[in-house]
Amino acid sequence: YSAVFLTNASDAAVSLQANFLADDGSPLVLASIGSTSKTISLGPRSTTIIEAPNVGFLIEGYVSLTLPPGVVGYGLFRVSNPGTPDQEADVPLSNNTSTDVTLIWDNTQYVTGIAVLNPSTVVATVSILVRDGSGDLIGTPSFSLAPGTKKAFLLTDLLSAVRGLRGSAEFIASSGSVAVLGLRANGNALTSIPTSGR
């Protein structure tokens, strides 16, 4: 289950459009609304939610929003397994103009999952400076992302040297821009990892 919560903190009504995109940047029909986009009208001080319930086949993608002044929000992910309580993680909405984003990871007892998006209209060349807890550089993987595309992976699949360690990863786009989402899991527990961008 995924959702986006939005609220209008201003005293004026606003309107915005949510566009749903597949990992390859193509339009994605969100089954819960039956369309690839949705126009959202928010009255003064009002709140709304866009939901993608956990039904049917697993489909991955993302939502693109241009928030008017005064509108804030966050994304929510929920994992449901029979016989255990649901686990949720919320994540802030990412800026689409960052070229340098840092994420702190901990793979001592946890698994770090990462999604990297190129929200720009040009190819993004993304270099990652992975450092251990002492600040020593332990890897420099890199990849390219076409405009509007997303890549999701476990940090250990990108760089096995992170196993049993903790540290930071700096995602640098030498062209285009980059948005980064981090999730941390330990068994059924799921939490988000905040990032800092510039």
C-alpha atoms as a PDB file:
ATOM      1  CA  TYR A   1       0.000   0.000   0.000  1.00  0.00           C
ATOM      2  CA  SER A   2       1.242   3.472  -0.874  1.00  0.00           C
ATOM      3  CA  ALA A   3      -0.313   6.877  -0.338  1.00  0.00           C
ATOM      4  CA  VAL A   4       0.446  10.567  -0.620  1.00  0.00           C
ATOM      5  CA  PHE A   5      -0.966  12.975   1.966  1.00  0.00           C
ATOM      6  CA  LEU A   6      -1.283  16.661   1.058  1.00  0.00           C
ATOM      7  CA  THR A   7      -2.488  19.662   3.023  1.00  0.00           C
ATOM      8  CA  ASN A   8      -3.034  23.275   2.077  1.00  0.00           C
ATOM      9  CA  ALA A   9      -1.648  25.379   4.932  1.00  0.00           C
ATOM     10  CA  SER A  10      -2.738  28.624   3.269  1.00  0.00           C
ATOM     11  CA  ASP A  11      -5.980  30.613   3.471  1.00  0.00           C
ATOM     12  CA  ALA A  12      -6.598  30.418  -0.294  1.00  0.00           C
ATOM     13  CA  ALA A  13      -7.914  27.529  -2.404  1.00  0.00           C
ATOM     14  CA  VAL A  14      -5.315  25.878  -4.657  1.00  0.00           C
ATOM     15  CA  SER A  15      -5.210  23.308  -7.426  1.00  0.00           C
ATOM     16  CA  LEU A  16      -2.421  20.957  -8.488  1.00  0.00           C
ATOM     17  CA  GLN A  17      -1.931  17.924 -10.673  1.00  0.00           C
ATOM     18  CA  ALA A  18      -0.515  14.548  -9.644  1.00  0.00           C
ATOM     19  CA  ASN A  19       1.108  12.599 -12.493  1.00  0.00           C
ATOM     20  CA  PHE A  20       1.736   8.872 -12.026  1.00  0.00           C
ATOM     21  CA  LEU A  21       4.774   7.406 -13.772  1.00  0.00           C
ATOM     22  CA  ALA A  22       6.321   3.961 -14.149  1.00  0.00           C
ATOM     23  CA  ASP A  23       9.987   3.344 -13.302  1.00  0.00           C
ATOM     24  CA  ASP A  24      10.859   3.907 -16.973  1.00  0.00           C
ATOM     25  CA  GLY A  25       9.194   7.352 -16.938  1.00  0.00           C
ATOM     26  CA  SER A  26       6.161   6.331 -18.999  1.00  0.00           C
ATOM     27  CA  PRO A  27       2.625   7.227 -17.805  1.00  0.00           C
ATOM     28  CA  LEU A  28       1.266   4.722 -15.280  1.00  0.00           C
ATOM     29  CA  VAL A  29      -2.446   4.105 -14.731  1.00  0.00           C
ATOM     30  CA  LEU A  30      -3.101   4.202 -10.992  1.00  0.00           C
ATOM     31  CA  ALA A  31      -5.831   1.576 -10.589  1.00  0.00           C
ATOM     32  CA  SER A  32      -7.476   3.320  -7.623  1.00  0.00           C
ATOM     33  CA  ILE A  33      -8.292   6.356  -9.787  1.00  0.00           C
ATOM     34  CA  GLY A  34      -8.255   4.725 -13.231  1.00  0.00           C
ATOM     35  CA  SER A  35      -5.984   7.350 -14.779  1.00  0.00           C
ATOM     36  CA  THR A  36      -2.368   8.436 -15.227  1.00  0.00           C
ATOM     37  CA  SER A  37      -3.028  11.778 -13.537  1.00  0.00           C
ATOM     38  CA  LYS A  38      -5.361  13.465 -11.108  1.00  0.00           C
ATOM     39  CA  THR A  39      -6.245  17.116 -10.585  1.00  0.00           C
ATOM     40  CA  ILE A  40      -6.451  17.920  -6.891  1.00  0.00           C
ATOM     41  CA  SER A  41      -8.381  20.880  -5.510  1.00  0.00           C
ATOM     42  CA  LEU A  42      -7.592  21.859  -1.942  1.00  0.00           C
ATOM     43  CA  GLY A  43      -9.654  24.405  -0.072  1.00  0.00           C
ATOM     44  CA  PRO A  44      -8.087  26.643   2.556  1.00  0.00           C
ATOM     45  CA  ARG A  45      -6.501  24.574   5.375  1.00  0.00           C
ATOM     46  CA  SER A  46      -7.846  21.319   3.865  1.00  0.00           C
ATOM     47  CA  THR A  47      -6.178  17.909   3.545  1.00  0.00           C
ATOM     48  CA  THR A  48      -6.486  15.082   1.017  1.00  0.00           C
ATOM     49  CA  ILE A  49      -4.990  11.679   0.301  1.00  0.00           C
ATOM     50  CA  ILE A  50      -4.158   9.783  -2.896  1.00  0.00           C
ATOM     51  CA  GLU A  51      -4.140   6.037  -2.255  1.00  0.00           C
ATOM     52  CA  ALA A  52      -2.695   3.064  -4.117  1.00  0.00           C
ATOM     53  CA  PRO A  53      -4.172   0.060  -2.274  1.00  0.00           C
ATOM     54  CA  ASN A  54      -2.378  -3.273  -2.174  1.00  0.00           C
ATOM     55  CA  VAL A  55      -4.526  -5.117  -4.726  1.00  0.00           C
ATOM     56  CA  GLY A  56      -3.667  -7.020  -7.887  1.00  0.00           C
ATOM     57  CA  PHE A  57      -0.177  -7.312  -9.322  1.00  0.00           C
ATOM     58  CA  LEU A  58       2.754  -5.369  -7.866  1.00  0.00           C
ATOM     59  CA  ILE A  59       3.398  -2.284  -9.957  1.00  0.00           C
ATOM     60  CA  GLU A  60       6.251   0.091  -9.165  1.00  0.00           C
ATOM     61  CA  GLY A  61       6.427   3.751 -10.043  1.00  0.00           C
ATOM     62  CA  TYR A  62       6.287   7.220  -8.566  1.00  0.00           C
ATOM     63  CA  VAL A  63       4.170  10.359  -8.422  1.00  0.00           C
ATOM     64  CA  SER A  64       5.265  13.759  -9.709  1.00  0.00           C
ATOM     65  CA  LEU A  65       3.738  16.875  -8.135  1.00  0.00           C
ATOM     66  CA  THR A  66       4.358  20.602  -8.412  1.00  0.00           C
ATOM     67  CA  LEU A  67       3.244  21.991  -5.071  1.00  0.00           C
ATOM     68  CA  PRO A  68       1.758  25.493  -4.953  1.00  0.00           C
ATOM     69  CA  PRO A  69       3.014  27.767  -2.147  1.00  0.00           C
ATOM     70  CA  GLY A  70       1.567  26.664   1.187  1.00  0.00           C
ATOM     71  CA  VAL A  71       0.986  23.017   0.180  1.00  0.00           C
ATOM     72  CA  VAL A  72       2.997  20.388   2.060  1.00  0.00           C
ATOM     73  CA  GLY A  73       2.845  16.613   2.206  1.00  0.00           C
ATOM     74  CA  TYR A  74       4.516  13.255   2.540  1.00  0.00           C
ATOM     75  CA  GLY A  75       4.420   9.740   1.127  1.00  0.00           C
ATOM     76  CA  LEU A  76       3.506   6.615   3.074  1.00  0.00           C
ATOM     77  CA  PHE A  77       4.413   2.956   2.494  1.00  0.00           C
ATOM     78  CA  ARG A  78       2.705   0.055   4.289  1.00  0.00           C
ATOM     79  CA  VAL A  79       3.799  -3.580   4.409  1.00  0.00           C
ATOM     80  CA  SER A  80       1.131  -6.126   5.365  1.00  0.00           C
ATOM     81  CA  ASN A  81       1.945  -9.733   6.248  1.00  0.00           C
ATOM     82  CA  PRO A  82      -0.642 -12.197   7.587  1.00  0.00           C
ATOM     83  CA  GLY A  83      -0.305 -12.795  11.321  1.00  0.00           C
ATOM     84  CA  THR A  84       1.800  -9.687  12.027  1.00  0.00           C
ATOM     85  CA  PRO A  85       0.858  -6.033  12.582  1.00  0.00           C
ATOM     86  CA  ASP A  86       1.156  -3.755   9.552  1.00  0.00           C
ATOM     87  CA  GLN A  87       4.385  -1.768   9.315  1.00  0.00           C
ATOM     88  CA  GLU A  88       4.493   1.754   7.882  1.00  0.00           C
ATOM     89  CA  ALA A  89       7.155   4.259   6.905  1.00  0.00           C
ATOM     90  CA  ASP A  90       6.517   7.830   5.852  1.00  0.00           C
ATOM     91  CA  VAL A  91       8.861   9.845   3.664  1.00  0.00           C
ATOM     92  CA  PRO A  92       9.027  13.550   2.850  1.00  0.00           C
ATOM     93  CA  LEU A  93       8.422  14.669  -0.703  1.00  0.00           C
ATOM     94  CA  SER A  94      11.711  15.235  -2.560  1.00  0.00           C
ATOM     95  CA  ASN A  95      12.914  18.349  -4.315  1.00  0.00           C
ATOM     96  CA  ASN A  96      13.301  17.802  -8.051  1.00  0.00           C
ATOM     97  CA  THR A  97      16.305  20.102  -8.507  1.00  0.00           C
ATOM     98  CA  SER A  98      18.870  18.550  -6.133  1.00  0.00           C
ATOM     99  CA  THR A  99      22.188  17.481  -7.638  1.00  0.00           C
ATOM    100  CA  ASP A 100      23.786  16.214  -4.404  1.00  0.00           C
ATOM    101  CA  VAL A 101      21.887  14.073  -1.856  1.00  0.00           C
ATOM    102  CA  THR A 102      23.298  12.335   1.223  1.00  0.00           C
ATOM    103  CA  LEU A 103      21.771   9.291   2.915  1.00  0.00           C
ATOM    104  CA  ILE A 104      22.997   7.692   6.161  1.00  0.00           C
ATOM    105  CA  TRP A 105      22.803   3.877   6.131  1.00  0.00           C
ATOM    106  CA  ASP A 106      23.162   1.119   8.726  1.00  0.00           C
ATOM    107  CA  ASN A 107      23.717  -2.440   7.516  1.00  0.00           C
ATOM    108  CA  THR A 108      24.855  -3.865  10.877  1.00  0.00           C
ATOM    109  CA  GLN A 109      21.537  -5.604  11.618  1.00  0.00           C
ATOM    110  CA  TYR A 110      19.385  -3.964   8.980  1.00  0.00           C
ATOM    111  CA  VAL A 111      18.861  -3.942   5.233  1.00  0.00           C
ATOM    112  CA  THR A 112      18.977  -0.633   3.369  1.00  0.00           C
ATOM    113  CA  GLY A 113      16.770  -0.230   0.300  1.00  0.00           C
ATOM    114  CA  ILE A 114      17.251   2.785  -1.957  1.00  0.00           C
ATOM    115  CA  ALA A 115      15.341   4.313  -4.855  1.00  0.00           C
ATOM    116  CA  VAL A 116      17.017   6.923  -7.045  1.00  0.00           C
ATOM    117  CA  LEU A 117      14.968   9.056  -9.438  1.00  0.00           C
ATOM    118  CA  ASN A 118      16.059  11.404 -12.204  1.00  0.00           C
ATOM    119  CA  PRO A 119      13.235  13.991 -12.250  1.00  0.00           C
ATOM    120  CA  SER A 120      14.994  16.132 -14.862  1.00  0.00           C
ATOM    121  CA  THR A 121      14.548  16.206 -18.639  1.00  0.00           C
ATOM    122  CA  VAL A 122      18.163  15.187 -19.392  1.00  0.00           C
ATOM    123  CA  VAL A 123      20.170  12.015 -18.721  1.00  0.00           C
ATOM    124  CA  ALA A 124      21.521  12.002 -15.145  1.00  0.00           C
ATOM    125  CA  THR A 125      24.939  10.536 -14.510  1.00  0.00           C
ATOM    126  CA  VAL A 126      24.880   9.548 -10.829  1.00  0.00           C
ATOM    127  CA  SER A 127      28.087   8.878  -8.903  1.00  0.00           C
ATOM    128  CA  ILE A 128      27.847   7.522  -5.360  1.00  0.00           C
ATOM    129  CA  LEU A 129      30.530   8.128  -2.755  1.00  0.00           C
ATOM    130  CA  VAL A 130      30.005   5.390  -0.141  1.00  0.00           C
ATOM    131  CA  ARG A 131      31.812   5.914   3.163  1.00  0.00           C
ATOM    132  CA  ASP A 132      32.017   3.795   6.294  1.00  0.00           C
ATOM    133  CA  GLY A 133      31.404   5.130   9.813  1.00  0.00           C
ATOM    134  CA  SER A 134      34.992   6.442  10.024  1.00  0.00           C
ATOM    135  CA  GLY A 135      34.543   8.465   6.835  1.00  0.00           C
ATOM    136  CA  ASP A 136      36.765   6.205   4.750  1.00  0.00           C
ATOM    137  CA  LEU A 137      35.698   5.784   1.124  1.00  0.00           C
ATOM    138  CA  ILE A 138      34.729   2.125   0.542  1.00  0.00           C
ATOM    139  CA  GLY A 139      33.202   2.345  -2.930  1.00  0.00           C
ATOM    140  CA  THR A 140      32.292   4.637  -5.810  1.00  0.00           C
ATOM    141  CA  PRO A 141      29.575   2.937  -7.892  1.00  0.00           C
ATOM    142  CA  SER A 142      27.898   4.953 -10.623  1.00  0.00           C
ATOM    143  CA  PHE A 143      25.115   4.618 -13.163  1.00  0.00           C
ATOM    144  CA  SER A 144      23.102   6.640 -15.649  1.00  0.00           C
ATOM    145  CA  LEU A 145      19.377   7.325 -15.487  1.00  0.00           C
ATOM    146  CA  ALA A 146      17.343   8.422 -18.488  1.00  0.00           C
ATOM    147  CA  PRO A 147      15.032  11.416 -17.966  1.00  0.00           C
ATOM    148  CA  GLY A 148      12.142  10.602 -15.629  1.00  0.00           C
ATOM    149  CA  THR A 149      13.393   7.106 -14.736  1.00  0.00           C
ATOM    150  CA  LYS A 150      13.861   5.423 -11.356  1.00  0.00           C
ATOM    151  CA  LYS A 151      16.265   2.719 -10.161  1.00  0.00           C
ATOM    152  CA  ALA A 152      15.571   0.755  -6.936  1.00  0.00           C
ATOM    153  CA  PHE A 153      18.055  -1.587  -5.239  1.00  0.00           C
ATOM    154  CA  LEU A 154      19.424  -2.916  -1.973  1.00  0.00           C
ATOM    155  CA  LEU A 155      22.617  -1.130  -1.003  1.00  0.00           C
ATOM    156  CA  THR A 156      24.354  -4.516  -0.563  1.00  0.00           C
ATOM    157  CA  ASP A 157      23.506  -5.407  -4.192  1.00  0.00           C
ATOM    158  CA  LEU A 158      25.185  -2.217  -5.376  1.00  0.00           C
ATOM    159  CA  LEU A 159      28.224  -2.554  -3.107  1.00  0.00           C
ATOM    160  CA  SER A 160      28.802  -5.717  -1.042  1.00  0.00           C
ATOM    161  CA  ALA A 161      31.473  -3.967   1.104  1.00  0.00           C
ATOM    162  CA  VAL A 162      28.681  -2.309   3.163  1.00  0.00           C
ATOM    163  CA  ARG A 163      27.674  -5.609   4.815  1.00  0.00           C
ATOM    164  CA  GLY A 164      27.976  -5.362   8.605  1.00  0.00           C
ATOM    165  CA  LEU A 165      28.862  -1.658   8.495  1.00  0.00           C
ATOM    166  CA  ARG A 166      27.193   1.728   8.795  1.00  0.00           C
ATOM    167  CA  GLY A 167      28.069   4.974   7.092  1.00  0.00           C
ATOM    168  CA  SER A 168      26.872   7.446   4.478  1.00  0.00           C
ATOM    169  CA  ALA A 169      26.289   7.543   0.744  1.00  0.00           C
ATOM    170  CA  GLU A 170      26.451  10.757  -1.270  1.00  0.00           C
ATOM    171  CA  PHE A 171      24.571  10.665  -4.584  1.00  0.00           C
ATOM    172  CA  ILE A 172      25.979  13.241  -7.004  1.00  0.00           C
ATOM    173  CA  ALA A 173      24.374  14.018 -10.373  1.00  0.00           C
ATOM    174  CA  SER A 174      26.970  15.527 -12.704  1.00  0.00           C
ATOM    175  CA  SER A 175      24.145  16.144 -15.174  1.00  0.00           C
ATOM    176  CA  GLY A 176      20.411  16.206 -14.584  1.00  0.00           C
ATOM    177  CA  SER A 177      19.192  15.999 -10.999  1.00  0.00           C
ATOM    178  CA  VAL A 178      18.544  13.312  -8.418  1.00  0.00           C
ATOM    179  CA  ALA A 179      15.918  12.449  -5.793  1.00  0.00           C
ATOM    180  CA  VAL A 180      16.756   9.693  -3.297  1.00  0.00           C
ATOM    181  CA  LEU A 181      14.500   7.602  -1.046  1.00  0.00           C
ATOM    182  CA  GLY A 182      15.893   5.318   1.648  1.00  0.00           C
ATOM    183  CA  LEU A 183      14.066   2.552   3.521  1.00  0.00           C
ATOM    184  CA  ARG A 184      15.490   0.433   6.331  1.00  0.00           C
ATOM    185  CA  ALA A 185      14.158  -3.002   7.259  1.00  0.00           C
ATOM    186  CA  ASN A 186      14.794  -5.491  10.039  1.00  0.00           C
ATOM    187  CA  GLY A 187      12.458  -8.474   9.778  1.00  0.00           C
ATOM    188  CA  ASN A 188       8.932  -7.033   9.728  1.00  0.00           C
ATOM    189  CA  ALA A 189      10.050  -3.572  10.920  1.00  0.00           C
ATOM    190  CA  LEU A 190      10.202  -0.883   8.243  1.00  0.00           C
ATOM    191  CA  THR A 191      11.290   2.740   8.612  1.00  0.00           C
ATOM    192  CA  SER A 192      12.297   5.568   6.305  1.00  0.00           C
ATOM    193  CA  ILE A 193      15.744   7.131   6.113  1.00  0.00           C
ATOM    194  CA  PRO A 194      15.716  10.918   5.782  1.00  0.00           C
ATOM    195  CA  THR A 195      18.040  12.418   3.178  1.00  0.00           C
ATOM    196  CA  SER A 196      19.584  15.853   2.844  1.00  0.00           C
ATOM    197  CA  GLY A 197      19.926  17.440  -0.547  1.00  0.00           C
ATOM    198  CA  ARG A 198      21.487  20.494  -2.076  1.00  0.00           C
END
